[in-house]
Protein backbone atom coordinates (compact mmCIF):
# COMPACT_ATOMS: atom_id res chain seq x y z
CA MET A 1 -32.38 -13.80 -25.01
CA ALA A 2 -29.91 -10.88 -26.59
CA LYS A 3 -31.22 -8.09 -24.83
CA ARG A 4 -31.59 -10.58 -21.20
CA GLY A 5 -27.77 -11.01 -21.90
CA SER A 6 -26.90 -7.36 -22.33
CA ARG A 7 -28.06 -6.45 -19.55
CA ARG A 8 -26.51 -9.14 -17.74
CA LYS A 9 -23.12 -7.86 -18.94
CA GLN A 10 -23.89 -4.29 -17.72
CA GLY A 11 -24.74 -5.12 -14.76
CA ILE A 12 -21.69 -6.74 -14.69
CA SER A 13 -19.61 -4.11 -15.85
CA LEU A 14 -21.48 -1.66 -13.37
CA LEU A 15 -19.69 -4.17 -10.48
CA PRO A 16 -15.91 -2.92 -10.04
CA SER A 17 -17.64 1.37 -10.40
CA VAL A 18 -19.97 -0.22 -6.97
CA PHE A 19 -17.56 -1.07 -5.51
CA THR A 20 -14.77 2.39 -6.30
CA THR A 21 -17.76 4.11 -5.14
CA GLY A 22 -18.18 1.99 -1.56
CA ASN A 23 -13.73 2.97 -1.30
CA LEU A 24 -15.15 5.91 -2.10
CA PHE A 25 -17.44 6.30 0.62
CA LEU A 26 -15.49 4.59 2.73
CA GLY A 27 -12.61 7.65 2.67
CA PHE A 28 -15.07 10.10 3.08
CA ALA A 29 -16.08 8.46 6.47
CA SER A 30 -12.92 8.39 7.61
CA LEU A 31 -12.53 11.96 7.07
CA VAL A 32 -15.99 13.04 8.45
CA SER A 33 -15.50 11.11 11.13
CA SER A 34 -11.59 13.13 11.99
CA ILE A 35 -13.22 15.94 11.70
CA GLY A 36 -15.08 14.90 14.28
CA GLY A 37 -12.74 13.71 16.48
CA HIS A 38 -13.31 9.66 15.99
CA TYR A 39 -9.64 9.38 15.11
CA SER A 40 -9.46 5.30 15.73
CA ARG A 41 -12.78 5.73 13.66
CA ALA A 42 -11.29 7.23 10.59
CA ALA A 43 -8.29 4.99 10.81
CA ALA A 44 -10.47 1.69 10.74
CA LEU A 45 -12.51 3.52 7.92
CA ILE A 46 -9.21 3.32 5.98
CA TYR A 47 -8.42 -0.26 6.49
CA ALA A 48 -12.02 -1.01 5.01
CA ALA A 49 -11.48 1.53 2.42
CA MET A 50 -8.92 -0.65 1.37
CA LEU A 51 -10.83 -3.92 0.46
CA PHE A 52 -12.94 -2.24 -1.25
CA ASP A 53 -10.18 -1.43 -3.51
CA PHE A 54 -8.04 -4.31 -2.90
CA VAL A 55 -11.42 -5.62 -4.95
CA ASP A 56 -12.08 -3.81 -7.67
CA GLY A 57 -9.01 -4.28 -9.69
CA PRO A 58 -9.32 -7.52 -9.97
CA LEU A 59 -12.98 -7.81 -10.29
CA ALA A 60 -12.42 -5.73 -13.29
CA ARG A 61 -9.88 -7.80 -14.66
CA PHE A 62 -12.12 -11.67 -13.85
CA THR A 63 -14.65 -9.36 -15.83
CA GLY A 64 -13.69 -8.22 -18.20
CA SER A 65 -14.67 -4.40 -18.04
CA SER A 66 -11.76 -3.06 -17.44
CA SER A 67 -11.79 0.92 -18.27
CA GLY A 68 -10.24 4.14 -18.69
CA PHE A 69 -12.91 5.20 -17.18
CA GLY A 70 -12.36 2.81 -14.26
CA VAL A 71 -8.63 3.77 -14.15
CA GLU A 72 -9.48 7.31 -13.58
CA TYR A 73 -12.74 7.02 -11.42
CA ASP A 74 -10.93 4.48 -9.15
CA SER A 75 -7.10 6.86 -8.86
CA LEU A 76 -9.76 9.72 -8.08
CA ALA A 77 -11.65 7.63 -4.78
CA ASP A 78 -7.69 6.03 -3.99
CA SER A 79 -6.83 10.08 -4.40
CA LEU A 80 -9.13 10.85 -1.44
CA SER A 81 -9.15 7.21 0.46
CA PHE A 82 -5.40 7.33 0.48
CA GLY A 83 -4.46 11.10 0.19
CA VAL A 84 -6.64 13.69 1.66
CA ALA A 85 -8.35 11.32 4.47
CA PRO A 86 -4.89 10.40 6.36
CA ALA A 87 -3.33 13.86 5.41
CA ILE A 88 -6.56 15.06 7.51
CA LEU A 89 -6.41 12.05 9.94
CA ALA A 90 -2.82 13.30 11.52
CA TYR A 91 -2.99 16.49 11.12
CA LEU A 92 -6.33 16.55 13.16
CA TYR A 93 -4.95 13.33 15.63
CA ALA A 94 -1.49 15.06 16.65
CA LEU A 95 -0.23 17.47 13.76
CA HIS A 96 -2.26 20.59 14.80
CA GLN A 97 0.31 21.89 17.94
CA TYR A 98 2.93 22.61 15.01
CA GLN A 99 0.26 25.70 13.62
CA ARG A 100 0.70 25.90 9.92
CA TYR A 101 3.99 23.65 10.04
CA GLY A 102 1.48 21.14 10.71
CA TRP A 103 -0.43 21.40 8.02
CA VAL A 104 2.44 22.26 5.31
CA VAL A 105 3.48 18.23 6.39
CA ALA A 106 0.39 17.19 6.39
CA PHE A 107 -0.02 17.67 2.95
CA LEU A 108 3.22 16.44 1.63
CA PHE A 109 1.39 13.22 2.52
CA ALA A 110 -1.57 14.05 0.16
CA ALA A 111 1.10 15.58 -2.69
CA GLY A 112 2.72 12.13 -2.16
CA ALA A 113 -0.05 9.83 -2.87
CA ALA A 114 -2.00 12.20 -5.93
CA LEU A 115 1.93 11.77 -7.20
CA ARG A 116 2.37 8.04 -6.60
CA LEU A 117 -1.28 7.31 -8.33
CA GLY A 118 -0.18 9.17 -11.27
CA ARG A 119 3.13 8.20 -11.86
CA TYR A 120 1.68 4.47 -11.24
CA ASN A 121 -1.55 5.29 -13.49
CA THR A 122 1.56 6.51 -16.69
CA SER A 123 4.12 4.10 -16.00
CA THR A 124 2.31 0.83 -15.73
CA LYS A 125 1.31 -1.28 -18.50
CA PRO A 126 -2.38 -2.71 -18.72
CA GLY A 127 -2.78 -5.59 -17.85
CA LYS A 128 0.72 -6.89 -16.49
CA ALA A 129 1.60 -7.56 -13.76
CA ASN A 130 5.07 -6.47 -12.24
CA SER A 131 6.73 -8.34 -9.44
CA TYR A 132 7.42 -5.07 -7.46
CA PHE A 133 6.14 -2.06 -7.26
CA GLN A 134 7.48 1.56 -7.57
CA GLY A 135 7.86 2.94 -4.57
CA LEU A 136 5.41 2.98 -1.22
CA SER A 137 1.41 2.51 -2.15
CA THR A 138 -1.15 4.62 -1.42
CA PRO A 139 -2.92 2.45 0.73
CA THR A 140 0.22 1.10 2.38
CA ALA A 141 0.97 4.23 3.00
CA SER A 142 -2.95 5.45 5.01
CA GLY A 143 -2.75 1.94 6.28
CA THR A 144 0.48 2.57 8.10
CA LEU A 145 -0.23 5.84 9.74
CA GLY A 146 -3.83 4.70 10.37
CA GLY A 147 -1.82 2.10 12.44
CA LEU A 148 0.23 4.82 14.05
CA VAL A 149 -2.77 6.62 15.21
CA PHE A 150 -3.83 2.69 16.67
CA LEU A 151 -1.00 2.42 18.36
CA THR A 152 -0.48 5.39 20.21
CA ASN A 153 -4.07 5.32 21.16
CA MET A 154 -3.05 1.90 22.70
CA TYR A 155 0.34 2.46 24.71
CA GLY A 156 -1.77 6.40 25.77
CA THR A 157 1.09 8.59 24.46
CA ASP A 158 0.91 11.73 25.73
CA ALA A 159 0.04 14.08 22.88
CA HIS A 160 3.68 16.03 22.25
CA THR A 161 5.44 12.52 21.41
CA ARG A 162 2.27 11.21 19.51
CA ALA A 163 3.24 15.37 17.16
CA VAL A 164 6.53 14.49 17.25
CA ILE A 165 5.99 10.66 16.24
CA PHE A 166 3.38 11.39 12.82
CA PHE A 167 5.71 14.54 12.25
CA VAL A 168 8.97 12.66 11.11
CA ALA A 169 6.59 9.45 9.75
CA VAL A 170 4.14 11.69 7.89
CA PRO A 171 6.64 13.06 5.49
CA LEU A 172 9.11 9.99 5.58
CA LEU A 173 5.88 8.16 4.60
CA ALA A 174 5.44 10.89 1.84
CA PHE A 175 9.08 10.05 0.66
CA LEU A 176 8.98 6.39 0.06
CA MET A 177 5.70 6.79 -2.09
CA VAL A 178 7.32 8.75 -4.46
CA SER A 179 10.61 6.84 -4.19
CA THR A 180 11.47 4.36 -6.32
CA LEU A 181 12.57 1.71 -4.08
CA PRO A 182 11.37 -1.10 -4.75
CA TYR A 183 8.18 -3.26 -2.27
CA TYR A 184 6.97 -6.77 -3.65
CA SER A 185 3.98 -7.03 -4.96
CA PHE A 186 3.30 -10.83 -4.81
CA LYS A 187 1.56 -10.08 -8.14
CA THR A 188 4.20 -13.17 -9.82
CA MET A 189 4.20 -15.35 -6.75
CA ARG A 190 4.40 -18.31 -8.22
CA LEU A 191 4.64 -21.40 -4.89
CA SER A 192 4.39 -25.13 -5.49
CA ARG A 193 2.11 -27.15 -3.17
CA ARG A 194 4.10 -27.75 -0.28
CA GLN A 195 4.99 -24.11 -0.46
CA ALA A 196 1.25 -23.04 -1.73
CA PHE A 197 0.00 -25.48 2.39
CA TYR A 198 2.86 -23.69 4.62
CA ALA A 199 1.23 -20.30 3.10
CA THR A 200 -1.85 -20.81 4.18
CA VAL A 201 -1.25 -21.82 6.97
CA VAL A 202 0.98 -18.65 7.65
CA ILE A 203 -1.87 -16.75 6.13
CA VAL A 204 -4.51 -19.11 8.22
CA VAL A 205 -2.18 -17.96 12.02
CA ALA A 206 -1.82 -13.90 10.73
CA PHE A 207 -5.78 -13.39 10.71
CA SER A 208 -5.71 -15.02 13.56
CA ALA A 209 -3.30 -13.24 15.47
CA ILE A 210 -4.97 -9.56 13.76
CA ALA A 211 -8.42 -11.28 14.73
CA ALA A 212 -7.45 -10.35 17.96
CA GLU A 213 -5.13 -8.04 18.30
CA PRO A 214 -5.89 -5.63 15.41
CA ALA A 215 -4.89 -3.14 17.36
CA LEU A 216 -1.48 -4.47 17.38
CA VAL A 217 -1.30 -6.54 14.82
CA LEU A 218 -1.65 -4.43 12.21
CA PRO A 219 0.21 -1.62 12.64
CA ILE A 220 2.93 -4.49 12.55
CA PHE A 221 2.23 -5.74 9.35
CA PHE A 222 2.01 -2.51 7.54
CA LEU A 223 4.99 -0.77 9.29
CA ALA A 224 7.06 -4.70 8.45
CA TYR A 225 5.53 -3.93 4.40
CA ALA A 226 7.16 -0.13 4.39
CA PHE A 227 10.17 -0.92 5.87
CA SER A 228 11.38 -3.84 4.01
CA GLY A 229 11.58 -0.89 0.53
CA PRO A 230 14.85 0.32 1.97
CA VAL A 231 15.56 -3.25 2.65
CA LEU A 232 15.14 -4.81 -0.55
CA TRP A 233 17.04 -1.59 -1.63
CA LEU A 234 20.14 -2.05 0.98
CA LEU A 235 20.05 -6.10 -0.16
CA LYS A 236 20.59 -5.53 -4.51
CA PRO A 237 24.04 -3.17 -4.54
CA ARG A 238 25.06 -6.73 -2.22
CA SER A 239 23.27 -8.98 -4.60
CA ARG A 240 24.91 -7.76 -8.05
CA HIS A 241 28.11 -7.01 -5.96
CA SER A 242 28.35 -11.29 -5.16
CA GLN A 243 26.87 -12.23 -8.37
CA THR A 244 29.85 -9.84 -10.05
CA ASN A 245 32.48 -11.31 -7.92
CA SER A 246 31.45 -15.01 -8.45
CA ARG A 247 31.41 -14.55 -12.04
CA ALA A 248 35.08 -12.88 -12.18
CA ALA A 249 35.47 -15.96 -9.90
CA SER A 250 34.35 -18.29 -11.98
CA ALA A 251 35.96 -16.65 -15.39
CA HIS A 252 39.53 -16.30 -13.40
CA GLU A 253 39.10 -20.87 -12.73
CA LYS A 254 38.49 -21.59 -16.23
CA PRO A 255 41.49 -21.58 -17.93
CA SER A 256 43.14 -23.04 -14.82
CA ASP A 257 41.29 -25.71 -16.14
CA GLU A 258 41.28 -26.07 -19.73
CA HIS A 259 45.57 -26.09 -18.51
CA PRO A 260 46.27 -27.83 -15.81
CA THR A 261 49.31 -27.39 -14.20
């Protein structure tokens, strides 16, 4: 019985690494598809890799099989799937028209992803859920890049316009990854029963929209989230300023209540 139990535990602990390997495989498949000129397929494979990456971490925590090896293996897989693969996709799809400047811009994305992953691994405490990410996550940045591939294909954008879009978007996404802009993580979200019901309705509508027009809806979602960081950064000083003013106003009003005229 003890041997059977230990074998079952080993099987469970191996499961997260299986999903991480799936993430790595899909990232490599995206890379091969880009080299073969199948750019929409390469973008779709990056999205598929995101699903595997989304599962492996929670699965490791749920099965109690989190380990230093798993963390490092996951980061290495992410570096390929969400760093190198989308950078090569951007270069071969659009940036190659700028020749050496194009591959330098593509390299910025790969380097930004590696730096973002390294900072996340060294600054995040294991098992601690944070309300905000520091900088745009690598899967979201690569999803945004893949979304631009879908959009430019859908609207038949000419090669020159496509190159300009990616020449601006790729370094911008690289900057957002290494920035300290706040991005809501949804990990600490707590909803009441009524809020959970409405959130479920929104999720159902969102999935229906994605199923109907994935090449249009997915890019919009990712672009909206990518821009949410700068928006939150702009709103935070205003909220602090308003809180300071309200405290000052309350402090000013308090003596008048204690000593009425």
